[in-house]
Amino acid sequence: MDRANRMIYHAMKGLQSLATALPRRLALRAGVAFADALYGVYRLSPYRDFIFGNIRKAYPEPPAGETPHPERLTDGQAHRLARAHLRNLLKSIVELLRFGVIDRDRLDNLVSWEGREHLDRLKAEGRGVVVVSAHFGNWELMAASLAATGLPVHVLVQVPSKDAFGQLFIEARERVGVKTYANQGPASIRPVLRALKRGEALAILIDQHGESRDAIATLFGRPVSVPMGAFFFAEKTGAAILPVFCVRRPDDRHVIHVEPELEPLNSPQENARRLYGILETYLRRYPELWLWAHNRWERESELKTAGETVPA
């Protein structure tokens, strides 16, 4: 780790000490205050269209004189969504920093379940589980909650651009019994395959760009290439694919929604559409919980210039 990353790391460790010293409610309020201040600066910066622009791709502005509806937002509504997104993100970071003081009892008080029977059935059968989710709600708390059920949980992640953040995330996950693997080619996935064959769980996030030209879906009406790793792991190990999403409630408790097992079909295109159909249901229902800072449609032009067509 170079000097810059060491400075970031120690600064974040200082914030971690503060977050764990404060009562949870007060720590979350501090996160909200910081999010609001950050958003105020963001709106005045040259990057003010970064988050806002992504929201606009999903929710166009209504034509002049028309009443907005759920698929079109006024500027004011779009900015309120952007601010709410940042608040959720900062709250989730505070909760991640507090993993060191979350024991099993506190986690049970923070989290409830919907559809837990789908997970319990697979555990009873001894099958591996590929948990698919998104940068949505507090996805790290979701993994911690899965591990708290007694199911060994592994996550496969892209290497962060800053080593300091990668190290902090690894340490935080270790505190709650979640093991991290960096996605760096075939060698990095061998232990994941072995874990699934032992009946353990792999959690992966599916809302970033995939590379397959055979797995195209739409997200908010725009074409996207869908990551198909979940289907690869399921095919290789016999594991089940289980969509799971963590929803933050207004009181800052969480509900883990476990969807029924997604049975793979022979068509990558159809698998991609079904997977993203589930994802978009949650994104539309709780748009403030998604990570709008990531431009999911950054490579949309590649799909269009390549002549890709997406079935309606």
C-alpha atoms as a PDB file:
ATOM      1  CA  MET A   1       0.000   0.000   0.000  1.00  0.00           C
ATOM      2  CA  ASP A   2       1.509   3.335  -1.058  1.00  0.00           C
ATOM      3  CA  ARG A   3       1.622   6.490   1.052  1.00  0.00           C
ATOM      4  CA  ALA A   4      -1.609   7.982  -0.293  1.00  0.00           C
ATOM      5  CA  ASN A   5      -3.507   4.780   0.383  1.00  0.00           C
ATOM      6  CA  ARG A   6      -2.026   4.511   3.866  1.00  0.00           C
ATOM      7  CA  MET A   7      -3.263   8.031   4.633  1.00  0.00           C
ATOM      8  CA  ILE A   8      -6.745   7.167   3.377  1.00  0.00           C
ATOM      9  CA  TYR A   9      -6.709   3.934   5.344  1.00  0.00           C
ATOM     10  CA  HIS A  10      -5.766   5.591   8.641  1.00  0.00           C
ATOM     11  CA  ALA A  11      -8.283   8.400   8.083  1.00  0.00           C
ATOM     12  CA  MET A  12     -11.034   5.824   7.552  1.00  0.00           C
ATOM     13  CA  LYS A  13      -9.912   3.905  10.638  1.00  0.00           C
ATOM     14  CA  GLY A  14     -10.299   7.138  12.597  1.00  0.00           C
ATOM     15  CA  LEU A  15     -13.835   7.541  11.273  1.00  0.00           C
ATOM     16  CA  GLN A  16     -14.470   3.922  12.157  1.00  0.00           C
ATOM     17  CA  SER A  17     -13.448   4.568  15.765  1.00  0.00           C
ATOM     18  CA  LEU A  18     -15.839   7.533  15.887  1.00  0.00           C
ATOM     19  CA  ALA A  19     -18.705   5.574  14.286  1.00  0.00           C
ATOM     20  CA  THR A  20     -18.335   2.730  16.771  1.00  0.00           C
ATOM     21  CA  ALA A  21     -18.025   5.060  19.775  1.00  0.00           C
ATOM     22  CA  LEU A  22     -21.300   6.863  18.991  1.00  0.00           C
ATOM     23  CA  PRO A  23     -24.729   5.309  19.544  1.00  0.00           C
ATOM     24  CA  ARG A  24     -26.061   3.884  16.284  1.00  0.00           C
ATOM     25  CA  ARG A  25     -28.806   6.481  15.883  1.00  0.00           C
ATOM     26  CA  LEU A  26     -26.413   9.363  16.418  1.00  0.00           C
ATOM     27  CA  ALA A  27     -23.833   7.840  14.049  1.00  0.00           C
ATOM     28  CA  LEU A  28     -26.493   7.534  11.340  1.00  0.00           C
ATOM     29  CA  ARG A  29     -27.574  11.140  11.878  1.00  0.00           C
ATOM     30  CA  ALA A  30     -23.970  12.208  11.412  1.00  0.00           C
ATOM     31  CA  GLY A  31     -23.891  10.227   8.166  1.00  0.00           C
ATOM     32  CA  VAL A  32     -27.029  11.992   6.932  1.00  0.00           C
ATOM     33  CA  ALA A  33     -25.609  15.420   7.838  1.00  0.00           C
ATOM     34  CA  PHE A  34     -22.430  14.619   5.925  1.00  0.00           C
ATOM     35  CA  ALA A  35     -24.470  13.354   2.949  1.00  0.00           C
ATOM     36  CA  ASP A  36     -26.483  16.569   2.838  1.00  0.00           C
ATOM     37  CA  ALA A  37     -23.349  18.717   3.014  1.00  0.00           C
ATOM     38  CA  LEU A  38     -21.716  16.610   0.315  1.00  0.00           C
ATOM     39  CA  TYR A  39     -24.785  16.935  -1.891  1.00  0.00           C
ATOM     40  CA  GLY A  40     -24.751  20.717  -1.463  1.00  0.00           C
ATOM     41  CA  VAL A  41     -21.170  20.815  -2.710  1.00  0.00           C
ATOM     42  CA  TYR A  42     -21.962  18.338  -5.489  1.00  0.00           C
ATOM     43  CA  ARG A  43     -24.774  20.530  -6.882  1.00  0.00           C
ATOM     44  CA  LEU A  44     -22.350  23.440  -7.209  1.00  0.00           C
ATOM     45  CA  SER A  45     -19.493  21.383  -8.691  1.00  0.00           C
ATOM     46  CA  PRO A  46     -18.581  20.647 -12.343  1.00  0.00           C
ATOM     47  CA  TYR A  47     -19.696  17.049 -11.610  1.00  0.00           C
ATOM     48  CA  ARG A  48     -23.289  18.029 -10.811  1.00  0.00           C
ATOM     49  CA  ASP A  49     -24.659  15.983 -13.719  1.00  0.00           C
ATOM     50  CA  PHE A  50     -22.898  12.782 -12.617  1.00  0.00           C
ATOM     51  CA  ILE A  51     -25.528  11.234 -10.328  1.00  0.00           C
ATOM     52  CA  PHE A  52     -28.305  13.458 -11.662  1.00  0.00           C
ATOM     53  CA  GLY A  53     -27.528  12.453 -15.260  1.00  0.00           C
ATOM     54  CA  ASN A  54     -27.882   8.759 -14.464  1.00  0.00           C
ATOM     55  CA  ILE A  55     -31.246   9.394 -12.821  1.00  0.00           C
ATOM     56  CA  ARG A  56     -32.325  11.341 -15.889  1.00  0.00           C
ATOM     57  CA  LYS A  57     -31.521   8.327 -18.117  1.00  0.00           C
ATOM     58  CA  ALA A  58     -33.940   6.219 -16.083  1.00  0.00           C
ATOM     59  CA  TYR A  59     -36.515   8.909 -15.365  1.00  0.00           C
ATOM     60  CA  PRO A  60     -36.776  11.460 -18.205  1.00  0.00           C
ATOM     61  CA  GLU A  61     -38.232  14.887 -17.536  1.00  0.00           C
ATOM     62  CA  PRO A  62     -41.976  15.091 -18.343  1.00  0.00           C
ATOM     63  CA  PRO A  63     -43.021  17.120 -21.389  1.00  0.00           C
ATOM     64  CA  ALA A  64     -43.955  20.712 -20.620  1.00  0.00           C
ATOM     65  CA  GLY A  65     -47.391  20.997 -19.100  1.00  0.00           C
ATOM     66  CA  GLU A  66     -47.756  17.281 -18.328  1.00  0.00           C
ATOM     67  CA  THR A  67     -48.175  15.918 -14.804  1.00  0.00           C
ATOM     68  CA  PRO A  68     -45.191  13.732 -13.783  1.00  0.00           C
ATOM     69  CA  HIS A  69     -45.827  10.020 -13.362  1.00  0.00           C
ATOM     70  CA  PRO A  70     -43.597   7.267 -11.880  1.00  0.00           C
ATOM     71  CA  GLU A  71     -41.512   6.966 -15.068  1.00  0.00           C
ATOM     72  CA  ARG A  72     -40.864  10.714 -15.437  1.00  0.00           C
ATOM     73  CA  LEU A  73     -39.518  13.103 -12.810  1.00  0.00           C
ATOM     74  CA  THR A  74     -39.347  16.868 -12.606  1.00  0.00           C
ATOM     75  CA  ASP A  75     -35.956  18.395 -11.818  1.00  0.00           C
ATOM     76  CA  GLY A  76     -36.999  18.835  -8.207  1.00  0.00           C
ATOM     77  CA  GLN A  77     -38.063  15.198  -7.880  1.00  0.00           C
ATOM     78  CA  ALA A  78     -34.865  13.994  -9.533  1.00  0.00           C
ATOM     79  CA  HIS A  79     -32.721  16.042  -7.161  1.00  0.00           C
ATOM     80  CA  ARG A  80     -34.654  14.735  -4.148  1.00  0.00           C
ATOM     81  CA  LEU A  81     -34.014  11.199  -5.387  1.00  0.00           C
ATOM     82  CA  ALA A  82     -30.296  11.961  -5.808  1.00  0.00           C
ATOM     83  CA  ARG A  83     -30.103  13.346  -2.270  1.00  0.00           C
ATOM     84  CA  ALA A  84     -32.000  10.358  -0.828  1.00  0.00           C
ATOM     85  CA  HIS A  85     -29.622   8.003  -2.669  1.00  0.00           C
ATOM     86  CA  LEU A  86     -26.609   9.731  -1.117  1.00  0.00           C
ATOM     87  CA  ARG A  87     -28.159   9.579   2.338  1.00  0.00           C
ATOM     88  CA  ASN A  88     -28.685   5.835   2.028  1.00  0.00           C
ATOM     89  CA  LEU A  89     -25.122   5.367   0.795  1.00  0.00           C
ATOM     90  CA  LEU A  90     -23.611   7.296   3.724  1.00  0.00           C
ATOM     91  CA  LYS A  91     -25.816   5.457   6.216  1.00  0.00           C
ATOM     92  CA  SER A  92     -24.658   2.159   4.717  1.00  0.00           C
ATOM     93  CA  ILE A  93     -21.007   3.215   5.039  1.00  0.00           C
ATOM     94  CA  VAL A  94     -21.596   4.126   8.699  1.00  0.00           C
ATOM     95  CA  GLU A  95     -23.184   0.711   9.275  1.00  0.00           C
ATOM     96  CA  LEU A  96     -20.232  -0.984   7.570  1.00  0.00           C
ATOM     97  CA  LEU A  97     -17.799   0.896   9.809  1.00  0.00           C
ATOM     98  CA  ARG A  98     -19.798  -0.337  12.811  1.00  0.00           C
ATOM     99  CA  PHE A  99     -19.521  -4.030  11.906  1.00  0.00           C
ATOM    100  CA  GLY A 100     -17.051  -4.453  14.755  1.00  0.00           C
ATOM    101  CA  VAL A 101     -19.789  -3.768  17.315  1.00  0.00           C
ATOM    102  CA  ILE A 102     -22.580  -5.774  15.660  1.00  0.00           C
ATOM    103  CA  ASP A 103     -23.027  -9.074  17.412  1.00  0.00           C
ATOM    104  CA  ARG A 104     -25.656 -11.689  16.580  1.00  0.00           C
ATOM    105  CA  ASP A 105     -28.294 -10.214  18.933  1.00  0.00           C
ATOM    106  CA  ARG A 106     -27.942  -6.681  17.583  1.00  0.00           C
ATOM    107  CA  LEU A 107     -28.095  -7.936  14.006  1.00  0.00           C
ATOM    108  CA  ASP A 108     -31.294  -9.852  14.744  1.00  0.00           C
ATOM    109  CA  ASN A 109     -32.812  -6.630  16.105  1.00  0.00           C
ATOM    110  CA  LEU A 110     -31.819  -4.685  12.985  1.00  0.00           C
ATOM    111  CA  VAL A 111     -32.934  -7.180  10.344  1.00  0.00           C
ATOM    112  CA  SER A 112     -36.134  -9.045   9.526  1.00  0.00           C
ATOM    113  CA  TRP A 113     -36.776 -11.437   6.651  1.00  0.00           C
ATOM    114  CA  GLU A 114     -39.286 -11.937   3.860  1.00  0.00           C
ATOM    115  CA  GLY A 115     -39.087 -15.247   1.980  1.00  0.00           C
ATOM    116  CA  ARG A 116     -36.551 -16.765   4.398  1.00  0.00           C
ATOM    117  CA  GLU A 117     -38.083 -20.189   3.708  1.00  0.00           C
ATOM    118  CA  HIS A 118     -36.415 -20.267   0.258  1.00  0.00           C
ATOM    119  CA  LEU A 119     -32.987 -19.956   1.861  1.00  0.00           C
ATOM    120  CA  ASP A 120     -33.756 -22.395   4.681  1.00  0.00           C
ATOM    121  CA  ARG A 121     -34.904 -25.057   2.214  1.00  0.00           C
ATOM    122  CA  LEU A 122     -31.642 -24.909   0.290  1.00  0.00           C
ATOM    123  CA  LYS A 123     -29.604 -25.010   3.502  1.00  0.00           C
ATOM    124  CA  ALA A 124     -31.530 -28.097   4.625  1.00  0.00           C
ATOM    125  CA  GLU A 125     -30.809 -29.750   1.270  1.00  0.00           C
ATOM    126  CA  GLY A 126     -27.102 -28.956   1.625  1.00  0.00           C
ATOM    127  CA  ARG A 127     -27.021 -27.205  -1.759  1.00  0.00           C
ATOM    128  CA  GLY A 128     -24.709 -24.356  -2.565  1.00  0.00           C
ATOM    129  CA  VAL A 129     -26.375 -20.988  -3.055  1.00  0.00           C
ATOM    130  CA  VAL A 130     -25.417 -18.256  -5.515  1.00  0.00           C
ATOM    131  CA  VAL A 131     -26.944 -15.136  -3.992  1.00  0.00           C
ATOM    132  CA  VAL A 132     -27.508 -12.450  -6.625  1.00  0.00           C
ATOM    133  CA  SER A 133     -28.105  -8.880  -5.557  1.00  0.00           C
ATOM    134  CA  ALA A 134     -27.131  -5.326  -6.493  1.00  0.00           C
ATOM    135  CA  HIS A 135     -25.537  -2.162  -5.156  1.00  0.00           C
ATOM    136  CA  PHE A 136     -28.862  -1.625  -3.442  1.00  0.00           C
ATOM    137  CA  GLY A 137     -29.847  -0.869   0.145  1.00  0.00           C
ATOM    138  CA  ASN A 138     -27.036  -2.012   2.404  1.00  0.00           C
ATOM    139  CA  TRP A 139     -25.689  -4.924   0.402  1.00  0.00           C
ATOM    140  CA  GLU A 140     -22.849  -5.495   2.876  1.00  0.00           C
ATOM    141  CA  LEU A 141     -25.317  -5.870   5.742  1.00  0.00           C
ATOM    142  CA  MET A 142     -27.228  -8.345   3.598  1.00  0.00           C
ATOM    143  CA  ALA A 143     -24.130 -10.558   3.338  1.00  0.00           C
ATOM    144  CA  ALA A 144     -23.543 -10.234   7.096  1.00  0.00           C
ATOM    145  CA  SER A 145     -27.152 -11.276   7.742  1.00  0.00           C
ATOM    146  CA  LEU A 146     -26.776 -14.338   5.532  1.00  0.00           C
ATOM    147  CA  ALA A 147     -23.637 -15.336   7.416  1.00  0.00           C
ATOM    148  CA  ALA A 148     -25.453 -14.875  10.742  1.00  0.00           C
ATOM    149  CA  THR A 149     -27.853 -17.683   9.751  1.00  0.00           C
ATOM    150  CA  GLY A 150     -24.909 -20.091   9.998  1.00  0.00           C
ATOM    151  CA  LEU A 151     -24.349 -20.270   6.249  1.00  0.00           C
ATOM    152  CA  PRO A 152     -20.697 -19.682   5.263  1.00  0.00           C
ATOM    153  CA  VAL A 153     -20.721 -16.708   2.880  1.00  0.00           C
ATOM    154  CA  HIS A 154     -18.123 -15.719   0.286  1.00  0.00           C
ATOM    155  CA  VAL A 155     -18.205 -12.615  -1.910  1.00  0.00           C
ATOM    156  CA  LEU A 156     -16.548 -12.194  -5.293  1.00  0.00           C
ATOM    157  CA  VAL A 157     -15.723  -8.533  -5.939  1.00  0.00           C
ATOM    158  CA  GLN A 158     -14.015  -6.301  -8.447  1.00  0.00           C
ATOM    159  CA  VAL A 159     -10.757  -4.862  -7.103  1.00  0.00           C
ATOM    160  CA  PRO A 160     -11.420  -1.293  -5.824  1.00  0.00           C
ATOM    161  CA  SER A 161      -9.459   1.529  -7.432  1.00  0.00           C
ATOM    162  CA  LYS A 162      -8.010   2.423  -4.008  1.00  0.00           C
ATOM    163  CA  ASP A 163      -6.195  -0.298  -2.048  1.00  0.00           C
ATOM    164  CA  ALA A 164      -7.173   1.392   1.210  1.00  0.00           C
ATOM    165  CA  PHE A 165     -10.884   0.908   0.594  1.00  0.00           C
ATOM    166  CA  GLY A 166     -10.372  -2.682  -0.505  1.00  0.00           C
ATOM    167  CA  GLN A 167      -8.539  -3.451   2.732  1.00  0.00           C
ATOM    168  CA  LEU A 168     -11.201  -1.768   4.850  1.00  0.00           C
ATOM    169  CA  PHE A 169     -13.979  -3.705   3.154  1.00  0.00           C
ATOM    170  CA  ILE A 170     -12.135  -7.010   3.617  1.00  0.00           C
ATOM    171  CA  GLU A 171     -11.574  -6.308   7.312  1.00  0.00           C
ATOM    172  CA  ALA A 172     -15.192  -5.283   7.861  1.00  0.00           C
ATOM    173  CA  ARG A 173     -16.505  -8.425   6.159  1.00  0.00           C
ATOM    174  CA  GLU A 174     -14.161 -10.641   8.158  1.00  0.00           C
ATOM    175  CA  ARG A 175     -15.657  -9.241  11.375  1.00  0.00           C
ATOM    176  CA  VAL A 176     -19.072 -10.621  10.400  1.00  0.00           C
ATOM    177  CA  GLY A 177     -17.846 -13.911   8.973  1.00  0.00           C
ATOM    178  CA  VAL A 178     -17.851 -13.037   5.262  1.00  0.00           C
ATOM    179  CA  LYS A 179     -14.818 -14.007   3.164  1.00  0.00           C
ATOM    180  CA  THR A 180     -13.721 -11.838   0.220  1.00  0.00           C
ATOM    181  CA  TYR A 181     -12.246 -12.994  -3.089  1.00  0.00           C
ATOM    182  CA  ALA A 182     -11.062 -10.581  -5.763  1.00  0.00           C
ATOM    183  CA  ASN A 183     -12.274 -11.418  -9.258  1.00  0.00           C
ATOM    184  CA  GLN A 184      -8.910 -11.695 -11.022  1.00  0.00           C
ATOM    185  CA  GLY A 185      -9.290 -14.584 -13.425  1.00  0.00           C
ATOM    186  CA  PRO A 186      -9.649 -18.385 -13.236  1.00  0.00           C
ATOM    187  CA  ALA A 187      -7.361 -18.877 -10.227  1.00  0.00           C
ATOM    188  CA  SER A 188      -9.485 -16.557  -8.097  1.00  0.00           C
ATOM    189  CA  ILE A 189     -12.698 -18.493  -8.688  1.00  0.00           C
ATOM    190  CA  ARG A 190     -11.412 -21.987  -7.815  1.00  0.00           C
ATOM    191  CA  PRO A 191     -11.954 -21.553  -4.052  1.00  0.00           C
ATOM    192  CA  VAL A 192     -15.428 -20.174  -4.792  1.00  0.00           C
ATOM    193  CA  LEU A 193     -16.325 -23.245  -6.842  1.00  0.00           C
ATOM    194  CA  ARG A 194     -15.107 -25.490  -4.014  1.00  0.00           C
ATOM    195  CA  ALA A 195     -17.170 -23.537  -1.488  1.00  0.00           C
ATOM    196  CA  LEU A 196     -20.350 -23.906  -3.535  1.00  0.00           C
ATOM    197  CA  LYS A 197     -19.775 -27.638  -3.909  1.00  0.00           C
ATOM    198  CA  ARG A 198     -19.532 -27.817  -0.081  1.00  0.00           C
ATOM    199  CA  GLY A 199     -22.994 -26.308   0.179  1.00  0.00           C
ATOM    200  CA  GLU A 200     -21.872 -22.777   1.059  1.00  0.00           C
ATOM    201  CA  ALA A 201     -22.953 -19.432  -0.396  1.00  0.00           C
ATOM    202  CA  LEU A 202     -21.450 -17.037  -2.922  1.00  0.00           C
ATOM    203  CA  ALA A 203     -22.825 -13.485  -3.063  1.00  0.00           C
ATOM    204  CA  ILE A 204     -22.326 -11.480  -6.261  1.00  0.00           C
ATOM    205  CA  LEU A 205     -23.693  -8.149  -7.476  1.00  0.00           C
ATOM    206  CA  ILE A 206     -25.234  -8.152 -10.932  1.00  0.00           C
ATOM    207  CA  ASP A 207     -25.874  -4.474 -11.701  1.00  0.00           C
ATOM    208  CA  GLN A 208     -22.620  -3.699 -13.506  1.00  0.00           C
ATOM    209  CA  HIS A 209     -21.645  -4.295 -17.126  1.00  0.00           C
ATOM    210  CA  GLY A 210     -21.395  -7.845 -18.447  1.00  0.00           C
ATOM    211  CA  GLU A 211     -19.310  -8.855 -21.435  1.00  0.00           C
ATOM    212  CA  SER A 212     -21.663 -11.286 -23.163  1.00  0.00           C
ATOM    213  CA  ARG A 213     -23.312 -10.307 -26.437  1.00  0.00           C
ATOM    214  CA  ASP A 214     -25.743 -13.198 -25.918  1.00  0.00           C
ATOM    215  CA  ALA A 215     -27.158 -11.829 -22.656  1.00  0.00           C
ATOM    216  CA  ILE A 216     -28.753  -8.457 -23.343  1.00  0.00           C
ATOM    217  CA  ALA A 217     -31.641  -7.076 -21.312  1.00  0.00           C
ATOM    218  CA  THR A 218     -33.202  -3.702 -20.710  1.00  0.00           C
ATOM    219  CA  LEU A 219     -32.964  -1.631 -17.554  1.00  0.00           C
ATOM    220  CA  PHE A 220     -35.311   1.353 -17.368  1.00  0.00           C
ATOM    221  CA  GLY A 221     -35.922   0.852 -21.092  1.00  0.00           C
ATOM    222  CA  ARG A 222     -32.237   1.007 -22.092  1.00  0.00           C
ATOM    223  CA  PRO A 223     -30.122  -1.928 -23.349  1.00  0.00           C
ATOM    224  CA  VAL A 224     -27.528  -3.399 -20.997  1.00  0.00           C
ATOM    225  CA  SER A 225     -25.223  -6.409 -21.163  1.00  0.00           C
ATOM    226  CA  VAL A 226     -25.948  -8.606 -18.143  1.00  0.00           C
ATOM    227  CA  PRO A 227     -23.225 -10.302 -16.034  1.00  0.00           C
ATOM    228  CA  MET A 228     -23.913 -14.033 -16.275  1.00  0.00           C
ATOM    229  CA  GLY A 229     -21.520 -15.336 -13.616  1.00  0.00           C
ATOM    230  CA  ALA A 230     -24.389 -16.617 -11.471  1.00  0.00           C
ATOM    231  CA  PHE A 231     -25.446 -19.033 -14.199  1.00  0.00           C
ATOM    232  CA  PHE A 232     -21.848 -20.141 -14.753  1.00  0.00           C
ATOM    233  CA  PHE A 233     -21.395 -20.981 -11.072  1.00  0.00           C
ATOM    234  CA  ALA A 234     -24.754 -22.731 -10.898  1.00  0.00           C
ATOM    235  CA  GLU A 235     -23.943 -24.877 -13.928  1.00  0.00           C
ATOM    236  CA  LYS A 236     -20.489 -25.836 -12.646  1.00  0.00           C
ATOM    237  CA  THR A 237     -21.541 -26.724  -9.094  1.00  0.00           C
ATOM    238  CA  GLY A 238     -25.260 -27.499  -9.078  1.00  0.00           C
ATOM    239  CA  ALA A 239     -25.853 -24.533  -6.794  1.00  0.00           C
ATOM    240  CA  ALA A 240     -29.164 -22.699  -6.706  1.00  0.00           C
ATOM    241  CA  ILE A 241     -29.528 -19.072  -7.835  1.00  0.00           C
ATOM    242  CA  LEU A 242     -31.318 -17.003  -5.212  1.00  0.00           C
ATOM    243  CA  PRO A 243     -32.104 -13.292  -5.741  1.00  0.00           C
ATOM    244  CA  VAL A 244     -31.822 -11.430  -2.418  1.00  0.00           C
ATOM    245  CA  PHE A 245     -32.266  -7.700  -1.706  1.00  0.00           C
ATOM    246  CA  CYS A 246     -31.814  -5.615   1.436  1.00  0.00           C
ATOM    247  CA  VAL A 247     -34.445  -2.885   1.885  1.00  0.00           C
ATOM    248  CA  ARG A 248     -33.896  -0.068   4.377  1.00  0.00           C
ATOM    249  CA  ARG A 249     -37.025   0.902   6.281  1.00  0.00           C
ATOM    250  CA  PRO A 250     -37.803   4.491   7.322  1.00  0.00           C
ATOM    251  CA  ASP A 251     -36.722   3.627  10.904  1.00  0.00           C
ATOM    252  CA  ASP A 252     -33.309   2.451   9.578  1.00  0.00           C
ATOM    253  CA  ARG A 253     -34.005  -1.187  10.233  1.00  0.00           C
ATOM    254  CA  HIS A 254     -33.735  -3.555   7.287  1.00  0.00           C
ATOM    255  CA  VAL A 255     -35.797  -6.224   5.581  1.00  0.00           C
ATOM    256  CA  ILE A 256     -33.977  -8.967   3.670  1.00  0.00           C
ATOM    257  CA  HIS A 257     -36.180 -10.071   0.761  1.00  0.00           C
ATOM    258  CA  VAL A 258     -35.406 -13.572  -0.517  1.00  0.00           C
ATOM    259  CA  GLU A 259     -36.980 -14.339  -3.885  1.00  0.00           C
ATOM    260  CA  PRO A 260     -37.768 -17.913  -5.019  1.00  0.00           C
ATOM    261  CA  GLU A 261     -34.967 -19.896  -6.654  1.00  0.00           C
ATOM    262  CA  LEU A 262     -34.339 -18.797 -10.251  1.00  0.00           C
ATOM    263  CA  GLU A 263     -34.157 -21.954 -12.372  1.00  0.00           C
ATOM    264  CA  PRO A 264     -31.739 -21.506 -15.325  1.00  0.00           C
ATOM    265  CA  LEU A 265     -33.099 -21.979 -18.832  1.00  0.00           C
ATOM    266  CA  ASN A 266     -31.193 -22.952 -21.970  1.00  0.00           C
ATOM    267  CA  SER A 267     -31.346 -19.411 -23.351  1.00  0.00           C
ATOM    268  CA  PRO A 268     -28.775 -16.875 -22.044  1.00  0.00           C
ATOM    269  CA  GLN A 269     -30.990 -14.111 -23.428  1.00  0.00           C
ATOM    270  CA  GLU A 270     -34.013 -15.311 -21.483  1.00  0.00           C
ATOM    271  CA  ASN A 271     -31.950 -15.868 -18.327  1.00  0.00           C
ATOM    272  CA  ALA A 272     -30.664 -12.293 -18.574  1.00  0.00           C
ATOM    273  CA  ARG A 273     -34.155 -10.873 -19.044  1.00  0.00           C
ATOM    274  CA  ARG A 274     -35.619 -12.815 -16.117  1.00  0.00           C
ATOM    275  CA  LEU A 275     -32.748 -11.840 -13.841  1.00  0.00           C
ATOM    276  CA  TYR A 276     -32.998  -8.152 -14.696  1.00  0.00           C
ATOM    277  CA  GLY A 277     -36.775  -8.270 -14.491  1.00  0.00           C
ATOM    278  CA  ILE A 278     -36.429  -9.131 -10.792  1.00  0.00           C
ATOM    279  CA  LEU A 279     -33.727  -6.491 -10.303  1.00  0.00           C
ATOM    280  CA  GLU A 280     -35.762  -3.728 -11.956  1.00  0.00           C
ATOM    281  CA  THR A 281     -38.787  -4.542  -9.801  1.00  0.00           C
ATOM    282  CA  TYR A 282     -36.775  -3.578  -6.717  1.00  0.00           C
ATOM    283  CA  LEU A 283     -35.091  -0.587  -8.335  1.00  0.00           C
ATOM    284  CA  ARG A 284     -38.426   0.891  -9.380  1.00  0.00           C
ATOM    285  CA  ARG A 285     -40.049   0.178  -6.020  1.00  0.00           C
ATOM    286  CA  TYR A 286     -37.175   1.646  -3.985  1.00  0.00           C
ATOM    287  CA  PRO A 287     -35.152   3.865  -6.379  1.00  0.00           C
ATOM    288  CA  GLU A 288     -33.549   5.818  -3.519  1.00  0.00           C
ATOM    289  CA  LEU A 289     -31.757   2.651  -2.387  1.00  0.00           C
ATOM    290  CA  TRP A 290     -29.816   2.057  -5.622  1.00  0.00           C
ATOM    291  CA  LEU A 291     -26.279   3.311  -6.274  1.00  0.00           C
ATOM    292  CA  TRP A 292     -26.999   5.967  -8.900  1.00  0.00           C
ATOM    293  CA  ALA A 293     -23.375   7.142  -8.774  1.00  0.00           C
ATOM    294  CA  HIS A 294     -22.494   4.194 -11.030  1.00  0.00           C
ATOM    295  CA  ASN A 295     -23.342   4.804 -14.708  1.00  0.00           C
ATOM    296  CA  ARG A 296     -24.997   1.502 -15.586  1.00  0.00           C
ATOM    297  CA  TRP A 297     -25.550   2.701 -19.161  1.00  0.00           C
ATOM    298  CA  GLU A 298     -22.001   3.899 -19.823  1.00  0.00           C
ATOM    299  CA  ARG A 299     -21.525   1.324 -22.593  1.00  0.00           C
ATOM    300  CA  GLU A 300     -25.002   1.586 -24.079  1.00  0.00           C
ATOM    301  CA  SER A 301     -23.625   3.009 -27.335  1.00  0.00           C
ATOM    302  CA  GLU A 302     -21.486  -0.128 -27.829  1.00  0.00           C
ATOM    303  CA  LEU A 303     -24.598  -2.286 -27.787  1.00  0.00           C
ATOM    304  CA  LYS A 304     -26.378  -0.004 -30.229  1.00  0.00           C
ATOM    305  CA  THR A 305     -23.442   0.316 -32.652  1.00  0.00           C
ATOM    306  CA  ALA A 306     -22.946  -3.443 -32.536  1.00  0.00           C
ATOM    307  CA  GLY A 307     -26.489  -3.826 -33.830  1.00  0.00           C
ATOM    308  CA  GLU A 308     -27.789  -5.555 -30.720  1.00  0.00           C
ATOM    309  CA  THR A 309     -31.552  -5.806 -30.517  1.00  0.00           C
ATOM    310  CA  VAL A 310     -33.453  -6.295 -27.301  1.00  0.00           C
ATOM    311  CA  PRO A 311     -36.794  -8.105 -27.450  1.00  0.00           C
ATOM    312  CA  ALA A 312     -39.706  -6.131 -26.042  1.00  0.00           C
END
